[in-house]
N, C-alpha and C. Protein backbone atom coordinates (compact mmCIF):
# COMPACT_ATOMS: atom_id res chain seq x y z
N MET A 1 0.82 -1.20 0.00
CA MET A 1 0.00 0.00 0.00
C MET A 1 0.87 1.26 0.00
N LYS A 2 2.00 1.20 0.68
CA LYS A 2 2.88 2.36 0.67
C LYS A 2 3.35 2.67 -0.75
N ASP A 3 3.69 1.61 -1.48
CA ASP A 3 4.13 1.80 -2.87
C ASP A 3 3.00 2.34 -3.73
N PHE A 4 1.77 1.81 -3.52
CA PHE A 4 0.60 2.28 -4.27
C PHE A 4 0.36 3.76 -4.00
N ALA A 5 0.37 4.13 -2.72
CA ALA A 5 0.14 5.52 -2.34
C ALA A 5 1.23 6.42 -2.92
N LYS A 6 2.47 5.96 -2.86
CA LYS A 6 3.58 6.75 -3.39
C LYS A 6 3.42 6.95 -4.90
N ALA A 7 3.07 5.89 -5.61
CA ALA A 7 2.90 5.98 -7.07
C ALA A 7 1.77 6.94 -7.43
N ILE A 8 0.66 6.86 -6.71
CA ILE A 8 -0.46 7.77 -6.97
C ILE A 8 -0.04 9.21 -6.69
N ASN A 9 0.61 9.43 -5.58
CA ASN A 9 1.04 10.78 -5.22
C ASN A 9 1.99 11.37 -6.26
N GLU A 10 2.93 10.56 -6.73
CA GLU A 10 3.89 11.03 -7.73
C GLU A 10 3.19 11.33 -9.05
N ARG A 11 2.30 10.46 -9.45
CA ARG A 11 1.64 10.62 -10.75
C ARG A 11 0.61 11.74 -10.76
N LEU A 12 -0.15 11.87 -9.66
CA LEU A 12 -1.25 12.83 -9.64
C LEU A 12 -0.97 14.07 -8.81
N GLY A 13 0.16 14.12 -8.14
CA GLY A 13 0.48 15.27 -7.33
C GLY A 13 -0.38 15.37 -6.08
N THR A 14 -0.86 14.23 -5.59
CA THR A 14 -1.70 14.21 -4.39
C THR A 14 -0.84 13.85 -3.19
N LYS A 15 -1.46 13.85 -2.02
CA LYS A 15 -0.78 13.47 -0.79
C LYS A 15 -1.66 12.51 -0.01
N ILE A 16 -1.98 11.38 -0.65
CA ILE A 16 -2.84 10.40 0.02
C ILE A 16 -2.01 9.56 0.97
N THR A 17 -2.68 8.95 1.91
CA THR A 17 -2.03 8.08 2.88
C THR A 17 -2.02 6.65 2.35
N SER A 18 -1.37 5.76 3.06
CA SER A 18 -1.25 4.38 2.58
C SER A 18 -2.15 3.43 3.36
N GLY A 19 -3.35 3.87 3.71
CA GLY A 19 -4.31 3.02 4.40
C GLY A 19 -4.85 1.94 3.49
N ARG A 20 -6.06 1.48 3.76
CA ARG A 20 -6.68 0.44 2.93
C ARG A 20 -6.78 0.92 1.48
N PRO A 21 -6.68 0.00 0.51
CA PRO A 21 -6.72 0.40 -0.91
C PRO A 21 -7.94 1.23 -1.27
N SER A 22 -9.12 0.86 -0.77
CA SER A 22 -10.32 1.60 -1.16
C SER A 22 -10.28 3.03 -0.63
N TYR A 23 -9.74 3.22 0.58
CA TYR A 23 -9.64 4.58 1.13
C TYR A 23 -8.64 5.41 0.34
N ALA A 24 -7.50 4.79 -0.03
CA ALA A 24 -6.50 5.49 -0.82
C ALA A 24 -7.08 5.89 -2.17
N PHE A 25 -7.81 4.97 -2.80
CA PHE A 25 -8.42 5.28 -4.09
C PHE A 25 -9.44 6.39 -3.95
N LYS A 26 -10.33 6.29 -2.96
CA LYS A 26 -11.36 7.32 -2.75
C LYS A 26 -10.73 8.69 -2.51
N GLU A 27 -9.67 8.72 -1.72
CA GLU A 27 -9.01 9.98 -1.43
C GLU A 27 -8.41 10.58 -2.70
N ALA A 28 -7.71 9.76 -3.47
CA ALA A 28 -7.10 10.24 -4.72
C ALA A 28 -8.17 10.65 -5.72
N TYR A 29 -9.20 9.82 -5.86
CA TYR A 29 -10.28 10.10 -6.81
C TYR A 29 -10.97 11.42 -6.47
N SER A 30 -11.25 11.64 -5.20
CA SER A 30 -11.93 12.86 -4.78
C SER A 30 -11.10 14.10 -5.04
N LYS A 31 -9.79 13.98 -4.96
CA LYS A 31 -8.92 15.13 -5.20
C LYS A 31 -8.76 15.41 -6.69
N VAL A 32 -8.71 14.36 -7.49
CA VAL A 32 -8.45 14.51 -8.92
C VAL A 32 -9.73 14.67 -9.73
N MET A 33 -10.76 13.93 -9.40
CA MET A 33 -12.00 13.93 -10.18
C MET A 33 -13.04 14.86 -9.54
N THR A 34 -12.82 16.12 -9.72
CA THR A 34 -13.77 17.10 -9.19
C THR A 34 -14.97 17.20 -10.12
N THR A 35 -16.06 17.72 -9.62
CA THR A 35 -17.28 17.88 -10.41
C THR A 35 -17.26 19.22 -11.11
N ASN A 36 -17.48 19.20 -12.42
CA ASN A 36 -17.55 20.41 -13.23
C ASN A 36 -18.97 20.98 -13.08
N LEU A 37 -19.15 21.89 -12.14
CA LEU A 37 -20.48 22.40 -11.83
C LEU A 37 -21.10 23.18 -12.99
N LYS A 38 -20.28 23.89 -13.75
CA LYS A 38 -20.79 24.63 -14.91
C LYS A 38 -21.32 23.64 -15.96
N LEU A 39 -20.62 22.53 -16.14
CA LEU A 39 -21.08 21.52 -17.08
C LEU A 39 -22.39 20.91 -16.62
N LEU A 40 -22.55 20.71 -15.32
CA LEU A 40 -23.82 20.21 -14.80
C LEU A 40 -24.96 21.18 -15.09
N GLU A 41 -24.69 22.47 -15.01
CA GLU A 41 -25.71 23.47 -15.37
C GLU A 41 -26.09 23.34 -16.84
N ILE A 42 -25.10 23.16 -17.69
CA ILE A 42 -25.36 22.99 -19.13
C ILE A 42 -26.22 21.75 -19.36
N ILE A 43 -25.88 20.65 -18.69
CA ILE A 43 -26.64 19.40 -18.83
C ILE A 43 -28.09 19.61 -18.40
N LYS A 44 -28.29 20.29 -17.29
CA LYS A 44 -29.66 20.53 -16.80
C LYS A 44 -30.46 21.37 -17.78
N LYS A 45 -29.83 22.37 -18.39
CA LYS A 45 -30.52 23.19 -19.38
C LYS A 45 -30.87 22.36 -20.62
N LEU A 46 -29.94 21.55 -21.07
CA LEU A 46 -30.18 20.70 -22.24
C LEU A 46 -31.29 19.69 -21.97
N ARG A 47 -31.31 19.16 -20.77
CA ARG A 47 -32.28 18.12 -20.42
C ARG A 47 -33.71 18.63 -20.47
N ALA A 48 -33.89 19.93 -20.39
CA ALA A 48 -35.24 20.49 -20.48
C ALA A 48 -35.84 20.26 -21.86
N ASN A 49 -34.99 20.09 -22.88
CA ASN A 49 -35.47 19.93 -24.26
C ASN A 49 -35.00 18.66 -24.96
N TYR A 50 -34.06 17.97 -24.36
CA TYR A 50 -33.47 16.80 -25.01
C TYR A 50 -33.32 15.66 -24.01
N LYS A 51 -33.28 14.42 -24.53
CA LYS A 51 -32.91 13.27 -23.71
C LYS A 51 -31.39 13.29 -23.57
N ILE A 52 -30.92 13.11 -22.36
CA ILE A 52 -29.49 13.17 -22.09
C ILE A 52 -29.04 11.85 -21.48
N ALA A 53 -27.95 11.31 -22.03
CA ALA A 53 -27.40 10.05 -21.52
C ALA A 53 -25.93 10.24 -21.19
N VAL A 54 -25.43 9.37 -20.34
CA VAL A 54 -24.00 9.34 -20.06
C VAL A 54 -23.52 7.91 -20.27
N ILE A 55 -22.36 7.79 -20.91
CA ILE A 55 -21.66 6.52 -21.04
C ILE A 55 -20.33 6.73 -20.33
N SER A 56 -20.09 5.96 -19.29
CA SER A 56 -18.89 6.16 -18.49
C SER A 56 -18.09 4.88 -18.38
N ASN A 57 -16.80 4.98 -18.64
CA ASN A 57 -15.88 3.90 -18.35
C ASN A 57 -15.48 4.05 -16.89
N ALA A 58 -15.89 3.11 -16.06
CA ALA A 58 -15.61 3.24 -14.63
C ALA A 58 -15.41 1.87 -14.00
N ILE A 59 -14.54 1.85 -13.01
CA ILE A 59 -14.40 0.65 -12.18
C ILE A 59 -15.41 0.75 -11.05
N LYS A 60 -15.67 -0.36 -10.39
CA LYS A 60 -16.73 -0.40 -9.37
C LYS A 60 -16.53 0.63 -8.26
N LEU A 61 -15.32 0.80 -7.79
CA LEU A 61 -15.09 1.74 -6.70
C LEU A 61 -15.32 3.17 -7.16
N GLY A 62 -14.89 3.49 -8.37
CA GLY A 62 -15.15 4.82 -8.92
C GLY A 62 -16.64 5.06 -9.09
N GLN A 63 -17.35 4.03 -9.52
CA GLN A 63 -18.80 4.13 -9.70
C GLN A 63 -19.50 4.41 -8.37
N LYS A 64 -19.03 3.79 -7.29
CA LYS A 64 -19.62 4.04 -5.98
C LYS A 64 -19.47 5.51 -5.58
N ILE A 65 -18.32 6.07 -5.87
CA ILE A 65 -18.07 7.48 -5.53
C ILE A 65 -18.99 8.38 -6.34
N VAL A 66 -19.13 8.11 -7.63
CA VAL A 66 -19.99 8.92 -8.49
C VAL A 66 -21.44 8.81 -8.04
N LYS A 67 -21.89 7.60 -7.72
CA LYS A 67 -23.26 7.42 -7.23
C LYS A 67 -23.49 8.19 -5.94
N ALA A 68 -22.49 8.21 -5.05
CA ALA A 68 -22.62 8.94 -3.80
C ALA A 68 -22.75 10.44 -4.05
N ARG A 69 -22.18 10.91 -5.14
CA ARG A 69 -22.29 12.33 -5.52
C ARG A 69 -23.63 12.64 -6.21
N ASN A 70 -24.42 11.61 -6.49
CA ASN A 70 -25.71 11.74 -7.19
C ASN A 70 -25.58 12.36 -8.58
N LEU A 71 -24.48 12.13 -9.24
CA LEU A 71 -24.29 12.73 -10.57
C LEU A 71 -25.19 12.12 -11.63
N TRP A 72 -25.42 10.81 -11.55
CA TRP A 72 -26.21 10.15 -12.59
C TRP A 72 -27.68 10.57 -12.57
N THR A 73 -28.14 11.19 -11.51
CA THR A 73 -29.52 11.66 -11.46
C THR A 73 -29.76 12.81 -12.44
N ASN A 74 -28.70 13.36 -12.99
CA ASN A 74 -28.82 14.46 -13.96
C ASN A 74 -29.03 13.96 -15.39
N PHE A 75 -29.11 12.65 -15.56
CA PHE A 75 -29.22 12.05 -16.90
C PHE A 75 -30.47 11.17 -16.98
N ASP A 76 -31.03 11.11 -18.19
CA ASP A 76 -32.17 10.22 -18.43
C ASP A 76 -31.71 8.77 -18.47
N VAL A 77 -30.53 8.54 -19.00
CA VAL A 77 -29.96 7.21 -19.13
C VAL A 77 -28.50 7.26 -18.68
N SER A 78 -28.10 6.30 -17.86
CA SER A 78 -26.68 6.20 -17.49
C SER A 78 -26.22 4.77 -17.76
N ILE A 79 -25.12 4.68 -18.48
CA ILE A 79 -24.52 3.40 -18.82
C ILE A 79 -23.09 3.42 -18.31
N VAL A 80 -22.81 2.53 -17.37
CA VAL A 80 -21.50 2.49 -16.72
C VAL A 80 -20.83 1.17 -17.05
N SER A 81 -19.63 1.25 -17.58
CA SER A 81 -18.94 0.07 -18.11
C SER A 81 -18.86 -1.09 -17.12
N CYS A 82 -18.56 -0.80 -15.87
CA CYS A 82 -18.41 -1.90 -14.90
C CYS A 82 -19.74 -2.58 -14.59
N GLU A 83 -20.84 -1.95 -14.93
CA GLU A 83 -22.16 -2.55 -14.70
C GLU A 83 -22.68 -3.31 -15.91
N VAL A 84 -22.24 -2.92 -17.11
CA VAL A 84 -22.78 -3.54 -18.32
C VAL A 84 -21.77 -4.46 -19.02
N GLY A 85 -20.53 -4.49 -18.56
CA GLY A 85 -19.53 -5.38 -19.15
C GLY A 85 -19.07 -4.96 -20.53
N MET A 86 -19.19 -3.69 -20.83
CA MET A 86 -18.71 -3.13 -22.10
C MET A 86 -17.95 -1.86 -21.77
N ILE A 87 -17.16 -1.38 -22.73
CA ILE A 87 -16.36 -0.20 -22.47
C ILE A 87 -16.24 0.64 -23.74
N LYS A 88 -16.18 1.96 -23.57
CA LYS A 88 -15.87 2.81 -24.72
C LYS A 88 -14.43 2.52 -25.13
N PRO A 89 -14.13 2.45 -26.37
CA PRO A 89 -14.91 2.81 -27.55
C PRO A 89 -15.55 1.64 -28.28
N GLU A 90 -15.86 0.54 -27.58
CA GLU A 90 -16.48 -0.61 -28.24
C GLU A 90 -17.87 -0.23 -28.79
N LYS A 91 -18.17 -0.72 -29.96
CA LYS A 91 -19.43 -0.43 -30.63
C LYS A 91 -20.65 -0.81 -29.79
N GLU A 92 -20.55 -1.93 -29.08
CA GLU A 92 -21.69 -2.45 -28.33
C GLU A 92 -22.21 -1.49 -27.26
N ILE A 93 -21.34 -0.73 -26.63
CA ILE A 93 -21.79 0.18 -25.58
C ILE A 93 -22.58 1.34 -26.19
N PHE A 94 -22.22 1.75 -27.39
CA PHE A 94 -22.96 2.81 -28.08
C PHE A 94 -24.31 2.27 -28.58
N GLU A 95 -24.32 1.02 -29.04
CA GLU A 95 -25.58 0.40 -29.44
C GLU A 95 -26.53 0.29 -28.26
N LEU A 96 -26.01 -0.06 -27.10
CA LEU A 96 -26.84 -0.13 -25.90
C LEU A 96 -27.43 1.25 -25.57
N ALA A 97 -26.63 2.28 -25.67
CA ALA A 97 -27.12 3.64 -25.42
C ALA A 97 -28.25 3.99 -26.38
N LEU A 98 -28.08 3.66 -27.65
CA LEU A 98 -29.12 3.96 -28.64
C LEU A 98 -30.41 3.21 -28.33
N ARG A 99 -30.30 1.95 -27.92
CA ARG A 99 -31.50 1.18 -27.55
C ARG A 99 -32.21 1.82 -26.36
N LYS A 100 -31.45 2.22 -25.37
CA LYS A 100 -32.05 2.82 -24.18
C LYS A 100 -32.66 4.19 -24.47
N LEU A 101 -32.04 4.94 -25.36
CA LEU A 101 -32.55 6.27 -25.73
C LEU A 101 -33.69 6.18 -26.73
N THR A 102 -33.76 5.11 -27.47
CA THR A 102 -34.73 4.88 -28.55
C THR A 102 -34.63 5.93 -29.65
N PHE A 103 -33.38 6.27 -30.00
CA PHE A 103 -33.11 7.19 -31.10
C PHE A 103 -32.08 6.56 -32.02
N PRO A 104 -32.13 6.90 -33.31
CA PRO A 104 -31.06 6.45 -34.19
C PRO A 104 -29.81 7.32 -33.95
N ALA A 105 -28.65 6.79 -34.29
CA ALA A 105 -27.39 7.50 -34.07
C ALA A 105 -27.39 8.87 -34.75
N GLU A 106 -28.02 8.96 -35.91
CA GLU A 106 -28.02 10.21 -36.67
C GLU A 106 -28.73 11.35 -35.93
N GLU A 107 -29.54 11.03 -34.95
CA GLU A 107 -30.24 12.05 -34.18
C GLU A 107 -29.57 12.34 -32.83
N CYS A 108 -28.36 11.78 -32.66
CA CYS A 108 -27.66 11.93 -31.38
C CYS A 108 -26.33 12.65 -31.55
N ILE A 109 -25.97 13.36 -30.50
CA ILE A 109 -24.65 13.99 -30.42
C ILE A 109 -23.89 13.31 -29.29
N PHE A 110 -22.73 12.78 -29.61
CA PHE A 110 -21.89 12.14 -28.60
C PHE A 110 -20.77 13.11 -28.25
N ILE A 111 -20.59 13.35 -26.96
CA ILE A 111 -19.58 14.29 -26.46
C ILE A 111 -18.63 13.51 -25.56
N ASP A 112 -17.33 13.68 -25.78
CA ASP A 112 -16.35 13.00 -24.93
C ASP A 112 -15.08 13.84 -24.88
N ASP A 113 -14.40 13.77 -23.75
CA ASP A 113 -13.16 14.51 -23.60
C ASP A 113 -11.95 13.75 -24.14
N ARG A 114 -12.15 12.50 -24.51
CA ARG A 114 -11.06 11.70 -25.05
C ARG A 114 -11.30 11.45 -26.54
N GLU A 115 -10.41 11.96 -27.34
CA GLU A 115 -10.56 11.90 -28.79
C GLU A 115 -10.68 10.46 -29.30
N GLU A 116 -9.99 9.52 -28.65
CA GLU A 116 -10.03 8.13 -29.12
C GLU A 116 -11.41 7.49 -28.94
N HIS A 117 -12.27 8.13 -28.18
CA HIS A 117 -13.64 7.61 -28.00
C HIS A 117 -14.60 8.14 -29.07
N LEU A 118 -14.15 9.00 -29.95
CA LEU A 118 -15.03 9.62 -30.94
C LEU A 118 -15.12 8.87 -32.26
N GLU A 119 -14.15 8.04 -32.57
CA GLU A 119 -14.12 7.37 -33.87
C GLU A 119 -15.30 6.43 -34.09
N MET A 120 -15.58 5.55 -33.13
CA MET A 120 -16.66 4.58 -33.29
C MET A 120 -18.02 5.27 -33.43
N PRO A 121 -18.38 6.20 -32.55
CA PRO A 121 -19.68 6.85 -32.74
C PRO A 121 -19.77 7.61 -34.07
N THR A 122 -18.66 8.17 -34.53
CA THR A 122 -18.65 8.84 -35.84
C THR A 122 -18.98 7.83 -36.93
N GLN A 123 -18.34 6.65 -36.88
CA GLN A 123 -18.61 5.60 -37.87
C GLN A 123 -20.06 5.15 -37.82
N MET A 124 -20.66 5.21 -36.64
CA MET A 124 -22.04 4.76 -36.47
C MET A 124 -23.06 5.81 -36.89
N GLY A 125 -22.62 7.03 -37.17
CA GLY A 125 -23.53 8.07 -37.62
C GLY A 125 -23.84 9.15 -36.59
N PHE A 126 -23.28 9.05 -35.39
CA PHE A 126 -23.45 10.11 -34.39
C PHE A 126 -22.77 11.39 -34.88
N LYS A 127 -23.29 12.52 -34.49
CA LYS A 127 -22.55 13.76 -34.54
C LYS A 127 -21.66 13.71 -33.30
N VAL A 128 -20.44 14.23 -33.38
CA VAL A 128 -19.55 14.14 -32.22
C VAL A 128 -18.94 15.49 -31.88
N VAL A 129 -18.64 15.65 -30.60
CA VAL A 129 -17.96 16.84 -30.09
C VAL A 129 -16.84 16.37 -29.18
N HIS A 130 -15.64 16.88 -29.46
CA HIS A 130 -14.51 16.61 -28.58
C HIS A 130 -14.51 17.70 -27.50
N PHE A 131 -14.91 17.32 -26.29
CA PHE A 131 -15.04 18.28 -25.19
C PHE A 131 -13.66 18.71 -24.70
N LYS A 132 -13.49 20.05 -24.62
CA LYS A 132 -12.26 20.61 -24.05
C LYS A 132 -12.60 21.60 -22.94
N THR A 133 -13.56 22.47 -23.22
CA THR A 133 -14.00 23.45 -22.22
C THR A 133 -15.51 23.60 -22.30
N ASN A 134 -16.09 24.14 -21.26
CA ASN A 134 -17.54 24.35 -21.26
C ASN A 134 -17.95 25.30 -22.39
N GLN A 135 -17.22 26.38 -22.56
CA GLN A 135 -17.57 27.37 -23.59
C GLN A 135 -17.44 26.76 -24.99
N GLN A 136 -16.39 26.00 -25.21
CA GLN A 136 -16.20 25.34 -26.51
C GLN A 136 -17.35 24.38 -26.78
N LEU A 137 -17.81 23.67 -25.75
CA LEU A 137 -18.94 22.75 -25.90
C LEU A 137 -20.19 23.51 -26.35
N ILE A 138 -20.47 24.62 -25.70
CA ILE A 138 -21.64 25.43 -26.06
C ILE A 138 -21.55 25.87 -27.51
N GLU A 139 -20.38 26.33 -27.92
CA GLU A 139 -20.18 26.79 -29.30
C GLU A 139 -20.33 25.64 -30.30
N ASP A 140 -19.79 24.47 -29.97
CA ASP A 140 -19.89 23.32 -30.88
C ASP A 140 -21.33 22.83 -30.97
N LEU A 141 -22.07 22.85 -29.88
CA LEU A 141 -23.47 22.45 -29.91
C LEU A 141 -24.29 23.38 -30.80
N LYS A 142 -23.97 24.68 -30.76
CA LYS A 142 -24.67 25.65 -31.63
C LYS A 142 -24.51 25.29 -33.10
N LYS A 143 -23.35 24.75 -33.47
CA LYS A 143 -23.09 24.34 -34.85
C LYS A 143 -24.07 23.25 -35.30
N PHE A 144 -24.59 22.48 -34.34
CA PHE A 144 -25.57 21.44 -34.62
C PHE A 144 -26.99 21.92 -34.39
N GLY A 145 -27.15 23.23 -34.15
CA GLY A 145 -28.48 23.79 -33.94
C GLY A 145 -29.02 23.60 -32.53
N VAL A 146 -28.14 23.29 -31.59
CA VAL A 146 -28.55 23.07 -30.21
C VAL A 146 -28.18 24.30 -29.39
N GLU A 147 -29.19 24.95 -28.85
CA GLU A 147 -28.97 26.13 -28.01
C GLU A 147 -29.00 25.72 -26.55
N VAL A 148 -28.07 26.25 -25.80
CA VAL A 148 -28.00 25.97 -24.36
C VAL A 148 -28.59 27.15 -23.60
């Protein structure tokens, strides 16, 4: 655990302790994975007029932390890799999202902060946005006729 804590601290610039693995992970996760409150506001505004889904690659412990933050309550559909046994950028996880949303890919916009996750949805017919900043997201959505 000391080695694990040291590696996390060096890589992420945190100062976690070397207690139980789950506590060390929770401490590091909480420091590094902060909630983008402005993005949550954007999601809430969009949800007034659109169905909103989230596809998240997460391990079980990370999922527990997110659930405790009640983040998934901001979405109509939430698909979490550790719960469904699929992961982005596999085609199957996007197909599952489409089934749950009951929309064809051509009527959906997929947004992700990792560029490598955009290729498959593009091939499937989704419109895609590479998320970098909240303002850039708003501007890119306008290009698709979506007002926030």
